Every structure is written in structure tokens, then in C-alpha cells.
Amino acid sequence: MAMMNTPVRRELIVRTGVALMLLIFASRAHAQVDPWEFEVYPYATEGPGVVELETDNAVVVNGHSQGGEGTSAGAFRSQGTWYNQYELTYGLTDRVEVAAYLNMAQGSGHGYWYAGSKYRLRGHLFDEDVLPVNLGWYLELEWHKTPQFDDNELELEMRPIIEKDFGRFSILLNPKFEKAVFVGPNKNKGFEFGYANAIYYRWMRYLSPGIEFYGGVGNIDDNDPIHEQQHYIFPVVWGAFSNGIEYNVGPGFGLTSGSDRVIVKFNVELEKYVGALFKPASSEGGWFF
């Protein structure tokens, strides 16, 4: 068999090495925290006919230098990455809303990429304060661009939403249950568990403080070692202006070695009524729709 010349062999070695790196990083990824969505969902949903345009943004100021570590669940490293999510939400009824998301990312040294899409339904149960805590639900289907940003192409995410007010304080709990479905290396594995929680203080309409918590432990029946888990705390300021614009901004700090060290988030949303498809339910209507 004829010997390959040196340039051809060098190119083959480089291509093989890159392919192996992608496989290794993908197998090491821990899909615990969604860096496109540092947001805690409340009990309340958009009213019927209301459209909300939102952009969620985060930049990893001090992260990891290898793919599959920190907020990176794929081959691209987290250090220096900008995560941009664009969301369109529409209030179907006074209890249910529907949304679609576009995920983009500016990876360090990789340019601006399309990273995936999401589609979700969210709603709340019963009228406010009927129960000791206000309850809601969240169902989302996520598609990821692989292997650059995740090793699972399709995932299902479910959240119960729990909210309770204590005077000017509000406590929000979003436990997350996520599973790879239909395709990908983890489709036969069980659910992963994570969380997005917050404590907010209502000071002024346009300026209020809060603390948000995000993290995950890996598979419910096989938790990741603590040093591979991700856990973050975000001191934030948030508020709403009279023109319908709302914001939430703050730095996040990783609490484990598996977390990125510093992330900065900045979320902005705009609401506008465009017209309802369904009539509002009466005060004596059902508890779900």
C-alpha cells in the first residue's frame, strides 16, 4: 500500500483529533443549567391576547477553557461565550400561554451561531391565593444544535411552579425535570433534576432587589459528584417601566468547581396587547384552562 505524503497525514491526524475531542467533550457534558435562560417563572401568566417579546442574555466572564465544562454542554468552551435567547410569548387564555424561543451564541473564537430552538406551554392552576401557595406548570420541548452546544439533540423539560408572597417578599420555586427523548446518547436514561428559584423584594415598581438560585445535580437516580454539579447564586435588580418594558440584571457566581465562576445576565421584555383568540374565562370557570 502506498505511503501517504506528510501534508495528507498531518491533515488526517488533525481531523481525527478534532473528531475525538468532540466525542470526548460531548460524553462529559452535564446538561444541568440552561445558560440561555437564567429566569425564574412566576405563577402569573400573560393575559389573553397579550404578546411578550423578551431577550435573555448572559456572558461568561470567568468560565472554563474546555468544552463540556461549566455552562458548556457541547464542544465549545464556556469561557467568553455570549448566550442570546429571543422569546415570543402569547397569552392563549387567562390561565395558559404559549411561547417559542430562538437560541443564539457567540462562542469564544467561533463566531455567532444558531444554537437551537424551544417550544413551550405554561399555565397556572386555580385563582390566586385560593391555595396556601400559588401553583403553576411548565412543559417545554428543546432542540439543540449538536455537538457544538449539547450532546442531546432533543429534550423534554417539565416544571411545577410554586409561589408564595410574604408581605413585600415573594418566594418562587421552579424545580426542573429534564430528559433526552427519541434521539441522542442519553435517550434511554432517566430524568435529570435541576432548579431555578428566587426571592424577590418589591421595593419600587421600577427598581427592586432579589436573589436567584440556579443549579442541577444530574440524573435523579445517579447524581453527579458534587464537584461536577453546577450551582449559582445571582444577586439581581429588577423592575418595570410605564411603557411596558421590564428588566432583570445581575452577576452570577458559581458555587462549585463544576460551575463557571462568574456570569453576568441581562434580561429585557416588552408586553403589548394585540387581541385575544379566546374569550376570558369567568371567575367561576375551571381551574386549568
Protein backbone atom coordinates (compact mmCIF):
# COMPACT_ATOMS: atom_id res chain seq x y z
CA MET A 1 0.00 0.00 0.00
CA ALA A 2 1.36 3.39 -0.98
CA MET A 3 2.50 5.68 1.84
CA MET A 4 0.61 8.95 2.34
CA ASN A 5 2.67 12.10 1.98
CA THR A 6 3.37 14.23 5.05
CA PRO A 7 0.77 17.02 4.46
CA VAL A 8 -2.01 14.47 3.91
CA ARG A 9 -1.05 12.52 7.03
CA ARG A 10 -0.89 15.73 9.07
CA GLU A 11 -4.36 16.78 7.89
CA LEU A 12 -5.75 13.30 8.65
CA ILE A 13 -4.26 13.39 12.16
CA VAL A 14 -5.72 16.86 12.81
CA ARG A 15 -9.19 15.86 11.57
CA THR A 16 -9.14 12.67 13.64
CA GLY A 17 -8.03 14.58 16.72
CA VAL A 18 -10.81 17.14 16.34
CA ALA A 19 -13.41 14.41 15.94
CA LEU A 20 -12.17 12.62 19.06
CA MET A 21 -12.24 15.85 21.05
CA LEU A 22 -15.86 16.46 20.05
CA LEU A 23 -16.83 12.96 21.13
CA ILE A 24 -14.96 13.20 24.43
CA PHE A 25 -16.40 16.60 25.31
CA ALA A 26 -19.91 15.53 24.38
CA SER A 27 -19.72 12.46 26.60
CA ARG A 28 -18.50 14.55 29.52
CA ALA A 29 -21.21 17.19 29.24
CA HIS A 30 -23.60 17.64 32.16
CA ALA A 31 -26.82 19.28 30.98
CA GLN A 32 -27.74 20.78 34.33
CA VAL A 33 -28.12 24.53 33.77
CA ASP A 34 -29.60 26.29 30.75
CA PRO A 35 -27.30 29.29 30.13
CA TRP A 36 -29.78 30.81 27.66
CA GLU A 37 -32.42 31.15 30.32
CA PHE A 38 -31.39 32.49 33.70
CA GLU A 39 -35.00 33.23 34.55
CA VAL A 40 -37.39 32.10 37.29
CA TYR A 41 -41.01 31.79 36.17
CA PRO A 42 -43.80 33.18 38.35
CA TYR A 43 -47.31 31.87 38.94
CA ALA A 44 -48.90 34.58 36.77
CA THR A 45 -49.12 34.10 33.00
CA GLU A 46 -49.67 36.57 30.18
CA GLY A 47 -53.28 37.71 29.81
CA PRO A 48 -55.36 36.63 26.82
CA GLY A 49 -54.25 38.43 23.68
CA VAL A 50 -51.05 39.82 25.23
CA VAL A 51 -47.79 39.34 23.32
CA GLU A 52 -44.46 39.47 25.12
CA LEU A 53 -41.14 39.91 23.34
CA GLU A 54 -38.16 39.04 25.51
CA THR A 55 -34.41 38.72 25.14
CA ASP A 56 -32.40 36.84 27.76
CA ASN A 57 -28.67 37.48 27.63
CA ALA A 58 -25.72 36.08 29.57
CA VAL A 59 -21.96 36.29 29.17
CA VAL A 60 -19.46 34.02 30.88
CA VAL A 61 -16.88 36.43 32.28
CA ASN A 62 -14.84 33.77 34.04
CA GLY A 63 -15.55 30.23 32.89
CA HIS A 64 -13.92 27.02 31.69
CA SER A 65 -11.42 26.59 28.87
CA GLN A 66 -12.67 23.20 27.65
CA GLY A 67 -15.96 22.10 26.15
CA GLY A 68 -18.34 20.08 28.29
CA GLU A 69 -17.47 22.02 31.45
CA GLY A 70 -19.39 24.76 33.25
CA THR A 71 -22.37 26.02 31.26
CA SER A 72 -20.97 24.39 28.12
CA ALA A 73 -22.84 21.16 27.36
CA GLY A 74 -21.12 20.69 23.98
CA ALA A 75 -17.78 21.02 22.26
CA PHE A 76 -17.39 24.81 22.56
CA ARG A 77 -15.84 26.13 25.76
CA SER A 78 -17.84 28.36 28.10
CA GLN A 79 -15.15 30.99 28.71
CA GLY A 80 -16.08 34.22 26.95
CA THR A 81 -19.32 32.85 25.46
CA TRP A 82 -22.31 35.16 24.94
CA TYR A 83 -25.68 33.45 25.17
CA ASN A 84 -28.65 35.20 23.49
CA GLN A 85 -32.21 33.93 23.66
CA TYR A 86 -35.13 35.55 21.86
CA GLU A 87 -38.59 34.65 23.11
CA LEU A 88 -42.08 35.30 21.75
CA THR A 89 -44.94 34.57 24.18
CA TYR A 90 -48.68 34.81 23.57
CA GLY A 91 -51.46 34.58 26.16
CA LEU A 92 -53.97 31.99 24.92
CA THR A 93 -56.37 32.23 27.87
CA ASP A 94 -56.26 33.82 31.29
CA ARG A 95 -54.54 30.65 32.55
CA VAL A 96 -52.40 29.37 29.65
CA GLU A 97 -49.70 30.89 27.44
CA VAL A 98 -47.62 29.53 24.55
CA ALA A 99 -44.06 30.52 23.60
CA ALA A 100 -41.32 29.91 21.03
CA TYR A 101 -37.60 30.58 21.55
CA LEU A 102 -34.59 31.14 19.32
CA ASN A 103 -31.21 30.41 20.92
CA MET A 104 -28.03 32.01 19.59
CA ALA A 105 -24.47 32.04 20.93
CA GLN A 106 -21.23 33.90 20.31
CA GLY A 107 -18.62 31.31 21.24
CA SER A 108 -15.13 32.48 22.01
CA GLY A 109 -13.24 32.19 18.73
CA HIS A 110 -16.17 30.51 16.94
CA GLY A 111 -18.35 33.38 15.67
CA TYR A 112 -22.11 33.80 16.06
CA TRP A 113 -24.05 30.51 15.93
CA TYR A 114 -27.60 29.28 15.85
CA ALA A 115 -27.73 27.05 18.95
CA GLY A 116 -31.27 25.65 19.00
CA SER A 117 -34.97 26.29 19.48
CA LYS A 118 -37.61 25.72 22.18
CA TYR A 119 -41.39 25.48 22.26
CA ARG A 120 -43.40 25.57 25.47
CA LEU A 121 -46.74 25.79 27.22
CA ARG A 122 -47.09 27.37 30.66
CA GLY A 123 -50.10 27.86 32.87
CA HIS A 124 -51.36 28.34 36.39
CA LEU A 125 -53.84 26.37 38.46
CA PHE A 126 -56.78 27.84 40.35
CA ASP A 127 -57.23 31.51 41.12
CA GLU A 128 -54.59 33.42 43.04
CA ASP A 129 -54.41 32.72 46.79
CA VAL A 130 -57.11 30.03 46.72
CA LEU A 131 -54.47 27.56 47.97
CA PRO A 132 -51.80 28.18 50.65
CA VAL A 133 -49.31 28.53 47.75
CA ASN A 134 -49.95 29.55 44.14
CA LEU A 135 -49.29 26.69 41.71
CA GLY A 136 -48.39 26.62 38.03
CA TRP A 137 -46.99 24.24 35.42
CA TYR A 138 -44.47 24.39 32.57
CA LEU A 139 -43.89 22.00 29.64
CA GLU A 140 -41.13 22.56 27.07
CA LEU A 141 -39.59 20.77 24.10
CA GLU A 142 -35.99 21.77 23.36
CA TRP A 143 -33.95 21.20 20.19
CA HIS A 144 -30.16 21.69 20.45
CA LYS A 145 -27.52 22.07 17.77
CA THR A 146 -25.13 19.17 18.34
CA PRO A 147 -22.29 18.65 19.07
CA GLN A 148 -21.35 22.32 19.40
CA PHE A 149 -23.80 23.18 22.20
CA ASP A 150 -25.12 19.88 23.56
CA ASP A 151 -24.84 16.13 23.16
CA ASN A 152 -28.62 15.63 23.29
CA GLU A 153 -30.46 16.78 20.20
CA LEU A 154 -33.99 16.73 21.67
CA GLU A 155 -35.04 17.17 25.31
CA LEU A 156 -38.27 17.44 27.26
CA GLU A 157 -38.44 19.72 30.30
CA MET A 158 -41.19 19.89 32.93
CA ARG A 159 -41.52 22.22 35.90
CA PRO A 160 -44.04 22.70 38.65
CA ILE A 161 -44.18 26.38 39.62
CA ILE A 162 -44.66 27.31 43.26
CA GLU A 163 -45.03 30.89 44.51
CA LYS A 164 -45.79 32.40 47.90
CA ASP A 165 -45.91 36.04 49.00
CA PHE A 166 -44.96 37.26 52.46
CA GLY A 167 -45.72 40.96 52.55
CA ARG A 168 -43.29 42.62 50.14
CA PHE A 169 -41.31 39.38 49.71
CA SER A 170 -42.05 36.73 47.08
CA ILE A 171 -40.57 33.22 47.04
CA LEU A 172 -40.59 31.41 43.67
CA LEU A 173 -39.62 27.75 43.22
CA ASN A 174 -39.11 26.11 39.80
CA PRO A 175 -37.90 22.51 40.27
CA LYS A 176 -36.86 21.19 36.84
CA PHE A 177 -37.16 17.67 35.42
CA GLU A 178 -35.41 17.21 32.08
CA LYS A 179 -34.96 14.17 29.85
CA ALA A 180 -33.41 13.42 26.47
CA VAL A 181 -36.06 11.92 24.19
CA PHE A 182 -36.20 9.94 20.91
CA VAL A 183 -32.60 10.59 19.77
CA GLY A 184 -29.13 11.08 21.23
CA PRO A 185 -26.80 9.12 23.54
CA ASN A 186 -28.89 9.73 26.68
CA LYS A 187 -32.38 8.97 25.33
CA ASN A 188 -32.66 5.81 27.45
CA LYS A 189 -31.54 7.49 30.67
CA GLY A 190 -33.89 8.86 33.31
CA PHE A 191 -34.73 12.42 34.23
CA GLU A 192 -32.17 15.00 35.34
CA PHE A 193 -33.08 17.26 38.23
CA GLY A 194 -32.32 20.97 38.46
CA TYR A 195 -33.82 24.10 39.89
CA ALA A 196 -34.43 27.80 39.27
CA ASN A 197 -35.53 29.58 42.47
CA ALA A 198 -35.75 33.19 43.62
CA ILE A 199 -36.51 35.52 46.49
CA TYR A 200 -37.69 38.98 45.41
CA TYR A 201 -38.42 42.11 47.41
CA ARG A 202 -40.89 44.60 45.95
CA TRP A 203 -39.39 47.99 46.79
CA MET A 204 -40.31 50.25 43.89
CA ARG A 205 -42.02 49.36 40.63
CA TYR A 206 -39.00 50.33 38.55
CA LEU A 207 -36.25 49.19 40.96
CA SER A 208 -36.30 46.22 43.34
CA PRO A 209 -33.70 43.73 44.62
CA GLY A 210 -33.70 39.95 44.57
CA ILE A 211 -31.61 36.80 44.80
CA GLU A 212 -31.85 33.97 42.27
CA PHE A 213 -30.54 30.42 42.54
CA TYR A 214 -29.85 28.01 39.67
CA GLY A 215 -28.34 24.55 39.56
CA GLY A 216 -28.63 20.84 38.94
CA VAL A 217 -27.45 17.53 40.33
CA GLY A 218 -27.56 15.34 37.20
CA ASN A 219 -29.71 12.25 36.86
CA ILE A 220 -32.20 11.72 39.67
CA ASP A 221 -31.18 8.08 40.14
CA ASP A 222 -27.44 8.71 39.64
CA ASN A 223 -26.37 12.17 40.84
CA ASP A 224 -23.16 13.68 39.51
CA PRO A 225 -20.33 14.10 42.02
CA ILE A 226 -20.64 17.45 43.78
CA HIS A 227 -17.57 18.87 42.02
CA GLU A 228 -19.21 18.19 38.63
CA GLN A 229 -22.55 19.71 39.60
CA GLN A 230 -23.42 23.33 38.83
CA HIS A 231 -24.87 25.71 41.40
CA TYR A 232 -25.11 29.50 41.05
CA ILE A 233 -26.32 32.47 43.06
CA PHE A 234 -27.35 35.72 41.32
CA PRO A 235 -27.96 38.96 43.23
CA VAL A 236 -30.20 40.91 40.86
CA VAL A 237 -32.10 44.14 40.42
CA TRP A 238 -35.38 44.10 38.52
CA GLY A 239 -38.23 46.38 37.69
CA ALA A 240 -40.86 47.57 35.22
CA PHE A 241 -41.43 50.89 33.49
CA SER A 242 -44.71 52.50 32.48
CA ASN A 243 -44.08 51.82 28.79
CA GLY A 244 -44.32 48.05 29.33
CA ILE A 245 -40.58 47.35 29.44
CA GLU A 246 -39.32 45.08 32.23
CA TYR A 247 -35.75 44.13 33.09
CA ASN A 248 -33.72 41.80 35.32
CA VAL A 249 -29.93 42.14 35.58
CA GLY A 250 -27.16 40.91 37.83
CA PRO A 251 -23.93 38.91 38.21
CA GLY A 252 -23.92 35.20 38.97
CA PHE A 253 -21.30 33.37 41.00
CA GLY A 254 -20.55 29.65 40.71
CA LEU A 255 -20.52 27.73 43.99
CA THR A 256 -18.76 24.54 42.82
CA SER A 257 -15.70 23.74 40.73
CA GLY A 258 -18.01 22.39 38.01
CA SER A 259 -19.70 25.79 37.72
CA ASP A 260 -18.46 28.76 35.73
CA ARG A 261 -17.01 31.26 38.18
CA VAL A 262 -18.69 34.49 37.05
CA ILE A 263 -21.64 35.05 34.69
CA VAL A 264 -23.47 38.31 34.01
CA LYS A 265 -27.13 38.23 32.90
CA PHE A 266 -29.35 40.94 31.42
CA ASN A 267 -32.96 40.17 30.51
CA VAL A 268 -35.36 42.64 28.89
CA GLU A 269 -39.02 42.14 27.93
CA LEU A 270 -41.77 44.18 26.32
CA GLU A 271 -45.51 43.44 26.60
CA LYS A 272 -48.28 44.60 24.27
CA TYR A 273 -51.93 43.63 23.80
CA VAL A 274 -52.69 42.53 20.22
CA GLY A 275 -56.03 40.70 20.52
CA ALA A 276 -57.38 37.56 22.15
CA LEU A 277 -58.18 34.31 20.33
CA PHE A 278 -60.34 33.01 23.17
CA LYS A 279 -62.80 34.69 25.49
CA PRO A 280 -61.59 35.16 29.08
CA ALA A 281 -62.86 32.54 31.49
CA SER A 282 -65.41 33.64 34.07
CA SER A 283 -64.47 33.86 37.71
CA GLU A 284 -66.44 30.64 38.22
CA GLY A 285 -64.67 28.83 35.40
CA GLY A 286 -62.38 25.80 35.52
CA TRP A 287 -59.14 25.54 37.43
CA PHE A 288 -56.89 24.57 34.48
CA PHE A 289 -57.88 26.46 31.31
